């Protein structure tokens, strides 16, 4: 992969991720403020909603040029990037909201950013790896 191809894929990854942030924040708001779930449970569920959203777009847009079994990749995505996102978000939310008293939506944006580079690398090198 050339530098240009990697940069283009990074831009696509972040475009999908930006929409995914919106999906996650809306889901988190509904679950936490609307349904009054605990912020950690709401975070885990909201992250999973965003993971599913992001997988569908990454499969079609970010790594659409790479074939492969979509169901197997969905499982790999959830068990790697998805699990990393859920665990990373919960741990960081516990620190930022639970210990430091930060607003849960602001903390969520920070946790998403902190997990994004690792998720890109796992997705590119493992989940959607080329031939």
N, C-alpha and C. Protein backbone atom coordinates (compact mmCIF):
# COMPACT_ATOMS: atom_id res chain seq x y z
N UNK A 1 0.85 -1.18 0.00
CA UNK A 1 0.00 0.00 0.00
C UNK A 1 0.90 1.24 0.00
N UNK A 2 0.58 2.17 -0.87
CA UNK A 2 1.37 3.40 -0.95
C UNK A 2 0.95 4.37 0.16
N UNK A 3 1.74 5.38 0.36
CA UNK A 3 1.42 6.42 1.35
C UNK A 3 0.09 7.09 0.97
N UNK A 4 -0.09 7.34 -0.32
CA UNK A 4 -1.33 7.98 -0.79
C UNK A 4 -2.54 7.10 -0.49
N UNK A 5 -2.43 5.81 -0.74
CA UNK A 5 -3.54 4.89 -0.46
C UNK A 5 -3.84 4.82 1.04
N UNK A 6 -2.78 4.77 1.83
CA UNK A 6 -2.96 4.72 3.29
C UNK A 6 -3.61 6.01 3.80
N UNK A 7 -3.18 7.14 3.27
CA UNK A 7 -3.77 8.43 3.68
C UNK A 7 -5.24 8.50 3.27
N UNK A 8 -5.55 8.04 2.06
CA UNK A 8 -6.95 8.06 1.60
C UNK A 8 -7.81 7.15 2.49
N UNK A 9 -7.27 6.01 2.84
CA UNK A 9 -8.03 5.08 3.69
C UNK A 9 -8.21 5.69 5.09
N UNK A 10 -7.19 6.39 5.61
CA UNK A 10 -7.29 7.05 6.92
C UNK A 10 -8.38 8.12 6.89
N UNK A 11 -8.47 8.87 5.79
CA UNK A 11 -9.50 9.90 5.66
C UNK A 11 -10.88 9.24 5.64
N UNK A 12 -11.03 8.16 4.88
CA UNK A 12 -12.31 7.44 4.83
C UNK A 12 -12.67 6.89 6.21
N UNK A 13 -11.68 6.31 6.88
CA UNK A 13 -11.90 5.76 8.22
C UNK A 13 -12.43 6.84 9.16
N UNK A 14 -11.82 8.01 9.10
CA UNK A 14 -12.25 9.11 9.97
C UNK A 14 -13.59 9.70 9.58
N UNK A 15 -13.91 9.68 8.30
CA UNK A 15 -15.24 10.14 7.87
C UNK A 15 -16.32 9.23 8.44
N UNK A 16 -16.10 7.93 8.32
CA UNK A 16 -17.05 6.97 8.91
C UNK A 16 -17.08 7.15 10.42
N UNK A 17 -15.91 7.31 11.02
CA UNK A 17 -15.82 7.49 12.47
C UNK A 17 -16.54 8.74 12.95
N UNK A 18 -16.46 9.81 12.17
CA UNK A 18 -17.15 11.05 12.56
C UNK A 18 -18.66 10.84 12.63
N UNK A 19 -19.18 10.13 11.65
CA UNK A 19 -20.62 9.81 11.69
C UNK A 19 -20.90 8.86 12.85
N UNK A 20 -19.99 7.91 13.06
CA UNK A 20 -20.13 6.97 14.17
C UNK A 20 -20.13 7.66 15.52
N UNK A 21 -19.36 8.74 15.64
CA UNK A 21 -19.37 9.52 16.88
C UNK A 21 -20.78 10.06 17.13
N UNK A 22 -21.38 10.60 16.09
CA UNK A 22 -22.75 11.10 16.21
C UNK A 22 -23.71 9.99 16.63
N UNK A 23 -23.57 8.83 16.00
CA UNK A 23 -24.41 7.67 16.34
C UNK A 23 -24.21 7.29 17.81
N UNK A 24 -22.95 7.23 18.23
CA UNK A 24 -22.66 6.85 19.61
C UNK A 24 -23.19 7.87 20.60
N UNK A 25 -23.02 9.16 20.32
CA UNK A 25 -23.48 10.19 21.25
C UNK A 25 -25.00 10.24 21.34
N UNK A 26 -25.68 10.05 20.22
CA UNK A 26 -27.15 10.00 20.25
C UNK A 26 -27.61 8.80 21.06
N UNK A 27 -27.01 7.63 20.78
CA UNK A 27 -27.38 6.42 21.52
C UNK A 27 -27.09 6.60 23.01
N UNK A 28 -25.94 7.18 23.34
CA UNK A 28 -25.57 7.39 24.74
C UNK A 28 -26.56 8.34 25.43
N UNK A 29 -26.93 9.40 24.74
CA UNK A 29 -27.89 10.35 25.31
C UNK A 29 -29.25 9.69 25.57
N UNK A 30 -29.71 8.92 24.60
CA UNK A 30 -31.01 8.23 24.76
C UNK A 30 -30.93 7.24 25.91
N UNK A 31 -29.85 6.47 25.96
CA UNK A 31 -29.74 5.44 27.00
C UNK A 31 -29.51 6.02 28.39
N UNK A 32 -28.67 7.06 28.48
CA UNK A 32 -28.34 7.65 29.80
C UNK A 32 -29.41 8.63 30.26
N UNK A 33 -29.71 9.62 29.44
CA UNK A 33 -30.63 10.67 29.86
C UNK A 33 -32.09 10.29 29.62
N UNK A 34 -32.35 9.58 28.54
CA UNK A 34 -33.73 9.20 28.23
C UNK A 34 -34.21 8.00 29.02
N UNK A 35 -33.41 6.92 29.01
CA UNK A 35 -33.82 5.69 29.69
C UNK A 35 -33.21 5.54 31.08
N UNK A 36 -32.36 6.49 31.47
CA UNK A 36 -31.76 6.57 32.81
C UNK A 36 -30.94 5.33 33.18
N UNK A 37 -30.24 4.77 32.18
CA UNK A 37 -29.33 3.67 32.48
C UNK A 37 -28.07 4.23 33.12
N UNK A 38 -27.37 3.39 33.85
CA UNK A 38 -26.07 3.76 34.40
C UNK A 38 -25.16 4.17 33.25
N UNK A 39 -24.30 5.17 33.47
CA UNK A 39 -23.49 5.71 32.38
C UNK A 39 -22.53 4.67 31.80
N UNK A 40 -22.07 3.70 32.59
CA UNK A 40 -21.16 2.69 32.06
C UNK A 40 -21.90 1.68 31.18
N UNK A 41 -23.08 1.24 31.60
CA UNK A 41 -23.89 0.35 30.77
C UNK A 41 -24.32 1.07 29.50
N UNK A 42 -24.75 2.32 29.64
CA UNK A 42 -25.15 3.12 28.48
C UNK A 42 -23.98 3.29 27.52
N UNK A 43 -22.78 3.49 28.05
CA UNK A 43 -21.59 3.62 27.21
C UNK A 43 -21.33 2.35 26.43
N UNK A 44 -21.35 1.21 27.11
CA UNK A 44 -21.10 -0.07 26.44
C UNK A 44 -22.10 -0.32 25.32
N UNK A 45 -23.36 -0.07 25.58
CA UNK A 45 -24.40 -0.29 24.56
C UNK A 45 -24.27 0.71 23.40
N UNK A 46 -23.98 1.96 23.73
CA UNK A 46 -23.83 2.99 22.69
C UNK A 46 -22.61 2.71 21.82
N UNK A 47 -21.54 2.25 22.42
CA UNK A 47 -20.34 1.90 21.64
C UNK A 47 -20.66 0.75 20.70
N UNK A 48 -21.39 -0.25 21.17
CA UNK A 48 -21.72 -1.38 20.29
C UNK A 48 -22.61 -0.94 19.13
N UNK A 49 -23.53 -0.03 19.36
CA UNK A 49 -24.35 0.51 18.26
C UNK A 49 -23.43 1.19 17.24
N UNK A 50 -22.48 1.97 17.71
CA UNK A 50 -21.54 2.65 16.81
C UNK A 50 -20.63 1.65 16.11
N UNK A 51 -20.21 0.61 16.79
CA UNK A 51 -19.35 -0.42 16.18
C UNK A 51 -20.08 -1.08 15.01
N UNK A 52 -21.33 -1.44 15.21
CA UNK A 52 -22.11 -2.05 14.12
C UNK A 52 -22.25 -1.07 12.96
N UNK A 53 -22.60 0.16 13.25
CA UNK A 53 -22.71 1.20 12.22
C UNK A 53 -21.39 1.33 11.46
N UNK A 54 -20.30 1.46 12.20
CA UNK A 54 -19.00 1.68 11.57
C UNK A 54 -18.58 0.47 10.74
N UNK A 55 -18.83 -0.73 11.23
CA UNK A 55 -18.47 -1.92 10.44
C UNK A 55 -19.16 -1.90 9.08
N UNK A 56 -20.44 -1.64 9.10
CA UNK A 56 -21.20 -1.66 7.84
C UNK A 56 -20.65 -0.65 6.84
N UNK A 57 -20.27 0.54 7.30
CA UNK A 57 -19.71 1.55 6.41
C UNK A 57 -18.26 1.24 6.04
N UNK A 58 -17.48 0.72 6.98
CA UNK A 58 -16.10 0.37 6.64
C UNK A 58 -16.06 -0.74 5.59
N UNK A 59 -16.95 -1.71 5.75
CA UNK A 59 -17.01 -2.82 4.79
C UNK A 59 -17.32 -2.31 3.40
N UNK A 60 -18.17 -1.33 3.30
CA UNK A 60 -18.64 -0.83 2.01
C UNK A 60 -17.77 0.31 1.47
N UNK A 61 -17.28 1.17 2.34
CA UNK A 61 -16.63 2.42 1.91
C UNK A 61 -15.13 2.43 2.17
N UNK A 62 -14.72 2.26 3.42
CA UNK A 62 -13.31 2.38 3.77
C UNK A 62 -12.47 1.25 3.17
N UNK A 63 -12.94 0.02 3.31
CA UNK A 63 -12.23 -1.14 2.79
C UNK A 63 -13.08 -1.89 1.76
N UNK A 64 -13.89 -1.16 1.02
CA UNK A 64 -14.76 -1.77 0.02
C UNK A 64 -14.00 -2.46 -1.09
N UNK A 65 -12.75 -2.11 -1.29
CA UNK A 65 -11.94 -2.72 -2.35
C UNK A 65 -11.37 -4.07 -1.94
N UNK A 66 -11.52 -4.44 -0.69
CA UNK A 66 -11.00 -5.71 -0.21
C UNK A 66 -12.16 -6.68 -0.01
N UNK A 67 -12.08 -7.81 -0.65
CA UNK A 67 -13.13 -8.82 -0.54
C UNK A 67 -13.04 -9.55 0.79
N UNK A 68 -13.75 -10.63 0.87
CA UNK A 68 -13.73 -11.44 2.08
C UNK A 68 -15.12 -11.71 2.58
N UNK A 69 -15.19 -12.66 3.47
CA UNK A 69 -16.46 -13.07 4.06
C UNK A 69 -16.98 -11.97 5.00
N UNK A 70 -18.11 -11.35 4.64
CA UNK A 70 -18.61 -10.24 5.48
C UNK A 70 -19.01 -10.67 6.89
N UNK A 71 -19.50 -11.90 7.04
CA UNK A 71 -19.91 -12.35 8.37
C UNK A 71 -18.70 -12.65 9.24
N UNK A 72 -17.69 -13.29 8.64
CA UNK A 72 -16.46 -13.54 9.38
C UNK A 72 -15.77 -12.25 9.77
N UNK A 73 -15.79 -11.29 8.87
CA UNK A 73 -15.18 -9.99 9.17
C UNK A 73 -15.95 -9.24 10.25
N UNK A 74 -17.27 -9.39 10.24
CA UNK A 74 -18.08 -8.75 11.28
C UNK A 74 -17.71 -9.30 12.65
N UNK A 75 -17.53 -10.61 12.74
CA UNK A 75 -17.14 -11.24 14.00
C UNK A 75 -15.74 -10.75 14.39
N UNK A 76 -14.80 -10.76 13.44
CA UNK A 76 -13.44 -10.29 13.73
C UNK A 76 -13.45 -8.82 14.16
N UNK A 77 -14.26 -8.00 13.50
CA UNK A 77 -14.34 -6.58 13.83
C UNK A 77 -14.85 -6.40 15.26
N UNK A 78 -15.90 -7.14 15.61
CA UNK A 78 -16.47 -7.02 16.96
C UNK A 78 -15.52 -7.55 18.03
N UNK A 79 -14.79 -8.61 17.72
CA UNK A 79 -13.90 -9.20 18.71
C UNK A 79 -12.57 -8.47 18.85
N UNK A 80 -12.26 -7.58 17.92
CA UNK A 80 -11.00 -6.83 18.00
C UNK A 80 -11.30 -5.35 18.20
N UNK A 81 -11.56 -4.65 17.13
CA UNK A 81 -11.80 -3.21 17.22
C UNK A 81 -13.01 -2.91 18.11
N UNK A 82 -14.06 -3.69 17.97
CA UNK A 82 -15.26 -3.47 18.79
C UNK A 82 -15.00 -3.69 20.27
N UNK A 83 -14.35 -4.81 20.58
CA UNK A 83 -14.07 -5.11 21.99
C UNK A 83 -13.10 -4.08 22.57
N UNK A 84 -12.09 -3.70 21.79
CA UNK A 84 -11.15 -2.67 22.24
C UNK A 84 -11.90 -1.37 22.52
N UNK A 85 -12.83 -1.02 21.62
CA UNK A 85 -13.60 0.22 21.80
C UNK A 85 -14.48 0.15 23.05
N UNK A 86 -15.15 -0.97 23.25
CA UNK A 86 -16.02 -1.10 24.42
C UNK A 86 -15.20 -1.03 25.71
N UNK A 87 -14.15 -1.84 25.79
CA UNK A 87 -13.33 -1.86 27.01
C UNK A 87 -12.63 -0.52 27.23
N UNK A 88 -12.04 0.03 26.17
CA UNK A 88 -11.36 1.32 26.28
C UNK A 88 -12.30 2.43 26.71
N UNK A 89 -13.50 2.45 26.12
CA UNK A 89 -14.47 3.48 26.48
C UNK A 89 -14.94 3.33 27.92
N UNK A 90 -15.20 2.11 28.35
CA UNK A 90 -15.66 1.91 29.73
C UNK A 90 -14.58 2.32 30.73
N UNK A 91 -13.34 1.88 30.48
CA UNK A 91 -12.26 2.23 31.41
C UNK A 91 -12.03 3.74 31.46
N UNK A 92 -11.99 4.36 30.30
CA UNK A 92 -11.76 5.81 30.29
C UNK A 92 -12.95 6.59 30.83
N UNK A 93 -14.17 6.12 30.56
CA UNK A 93 -15.36 6.79 31.12
C UNK A 93 -15.37 6.67 32.65
N UNK A 94 -14.98 5.50 33.16
CA UNK A 94 -14.92 5.32 34.61
C UNK A 94 -13.95 6.34 35.22
N UNK A 95 -12.82 6.54 34.56
CA UNK A 95 -11.84 7.51 35.04
C UNK A 95 -12.36 8.94 34.90
N UNK A 96 -12.79 9.30 33.68
CA UNK A 96 -13.16 10.69 33.41
C UNK A 96 -14.47 11.11 34.08
N UNK A 97 -15.47 10.24 34.04
CA UNK A 97 -16.77 10.58 34.64
C UNK A 97 -16.81 10.18 36.11
N UNK A 98 -16.47 8.91 36.37
CA UNK A 98 -16.58 8.39 37.74
C UNK A 98 -15.59 9.01 38.71
N UNK A 99 -14.35 9.21 38.29
CA UNK A 99 -13.33 9.73 39.20
C UNK A 99 -13.13 11.24 39.10
N UNK A 100 -13.18 11.76 37.88
CA UNK A 100 -12.90 13.19 37.68
C UNK A 100 -14.16 14.05 37.56
N UNK A 101 -15.34 13.43 37.47
CA UNK A 101 -16.59 14.16 37.44
C UNK A 101 -16.87 14.89 36.13
N UNK A 102 -16.24 14.49 35.03
CA UNK A 102 -16.45 15.14 33.74
C UNK A 102 -17.84 14.79 33.19
N UNK A 103 -18.40 15.68 32.41
CA UNK A 103 -19.68 15.43 31.74
C UNK A 103 -19.54 14.18 30.87
N UNK A 104 -20.55 13.31 30.90
CA UNK A 104 -20.45 12.03 30.20
C UNK A 104 -20.35 12.17 28.68
N UNK A 105 -20.95 13.18 28.08
CA UNK A 105 -20.84 13.35 26.62
C UNK A 105 -19.46 13.86 26.23
N UNK A 106 -18.94 14.81 26.97
CA UNK A 106 -17.60 15.32 26.70
C UNK A 106 -16.56 14.22 26.90
N UNK A 107 -16.71 13.46 27.96
CA UNK A 107 -15.79 12.34 28.22
C UNK A 107 -15.86 11.31 27.11
N UNK A 108 -17.05 11.07 26.59
CA UNK A 108 -17.21 10.09 25.52
C UNK A 108 -16.45 10.49 24.27
N UNK A 109 -16.48 11.76 23.92
CA UNK A 109 -15.74 12.24 22.75
C UNK A 109 -14.24 12.00 22.94
N UNK A 110 -13.74 12.26 24.13
CA UNK A 110 -12.33 12.02 24.40
C UNK A 110 -11.95 10.56 24.33
N UNK A 111 -12.81 9.69 24.81
CA UNK A 111 -12.50 8.26 24.78
C UNK A 111 -12.52 7.73 23.35
N UNK A 112 -13.41 8.24 22.54
CA UNK A 112 -13.48 7.82 21.13
C UNK A 112 -12.17 8.19 20.43
N UNK A 113 -11.72 9.39 20.64
CA UNK A 113 -10.47 9.85 20.01
C UNK A 113 -9.29 9.00 20.47
N UNK A 114 -9.25 8.66 21.73
CA UNK A 114 -8.14 7.89 22.28
C UNK A 114 -8.08 6.48 21.68
N UNK A 115 -9.20 5.92 21.30
CA UNK A 115 -9.24 4.55 20.78
C UNK A 115 -9.13 4.47 19.25
N UNK A 116 -9.19 5.58 18.54
CA UNK A 116 -9.33 5.54 17.09
C UNK A 116 -8.10 5.02 16.35
N UNK A 117 -6.91 5.40 16.73
CA UNK A 117 -5.71 4.97 16.01
C UNK A 117 -5.54 3.45 16.11
N UNK A 118 -5.70 2.91 17.30
CA UNK A 118 -5.59 1.46 17.47
C UNK A 118 -6.65 0.74 16.66
N UNK A 119 -7.87 1.28 16.63
CA UNK A 119 -8.94 0.64 15.86
C UNK A 119 -8.65 0.65 14.36
N UNK A 120 -8.05 1.73 13.87
CA UNK A 120 -7.69 1.78 12.45
C UNK A 120 -6.66 0.70 12.13
N UNK A 121 -5.64 0.61 12.94
CA UNK A 121 -4.58 -0.36 12.67
C UNK A 121 -5.08 -1.80 12.73
N UNK A 122 -5.88 -2.12 13.72
CA UNK A 122 -6.45 -3.48 13.83
C UNK A 122 -7.35 -3.76 12.64
N UNK A 123 -8.17 -2.79 12.26
CA UNK A 123 -9.07 -2.98 11.13
C UNK A 123 -8.31 -3.18 9.83
N UNK A 124 -7.32 -2.34 9.59
CA UNK A 124 -6.56 -2.39 8.33
C UNK A 124 -5.70 -3.63 8.22
N UNK A 125 -5.03 -4.00 9.32
CA UNK A 125 -4.06 -5.09 9.27
C UNK A 125 -4.66 -6.47 9.53
N UNK A 126 -5.83 -6.52 10.19
CA UNK A 126 -6.39 -7.81 10.57
C UNK A 126 -7.79 -8.04 10.00
N UNK A 127 -8.72 -7.18 10.35
CA UNK A 127 -10.12 -7.41 9.97
C UNK A 127 -10.30 -7.34 8.46
N UNK A 128 -9.80 -6.27 7.84
CA UNK A 128 -9.98 -6.06 6.41
C UNK A 128 -8.68 -6.26 5.63
N UNK A 129 -7.80 -7.08 6.14
CA UNK A 129 -6.50 -7.26 5.49
C UNK A 129 -6.68 -7.71 4.04
N UNK A 130 -5.82 -7.18 3.22
CA UNK A 130 -5.87 -7.51 1.79
C UNK A 130 -5.26 -8.87 1.52
N UNK A 131 -5.29 -9.26 0.26
CA UNK A 131 -4.75 -10.56 -0.11
C UNK A 131 -3.24 -10.61 0.08
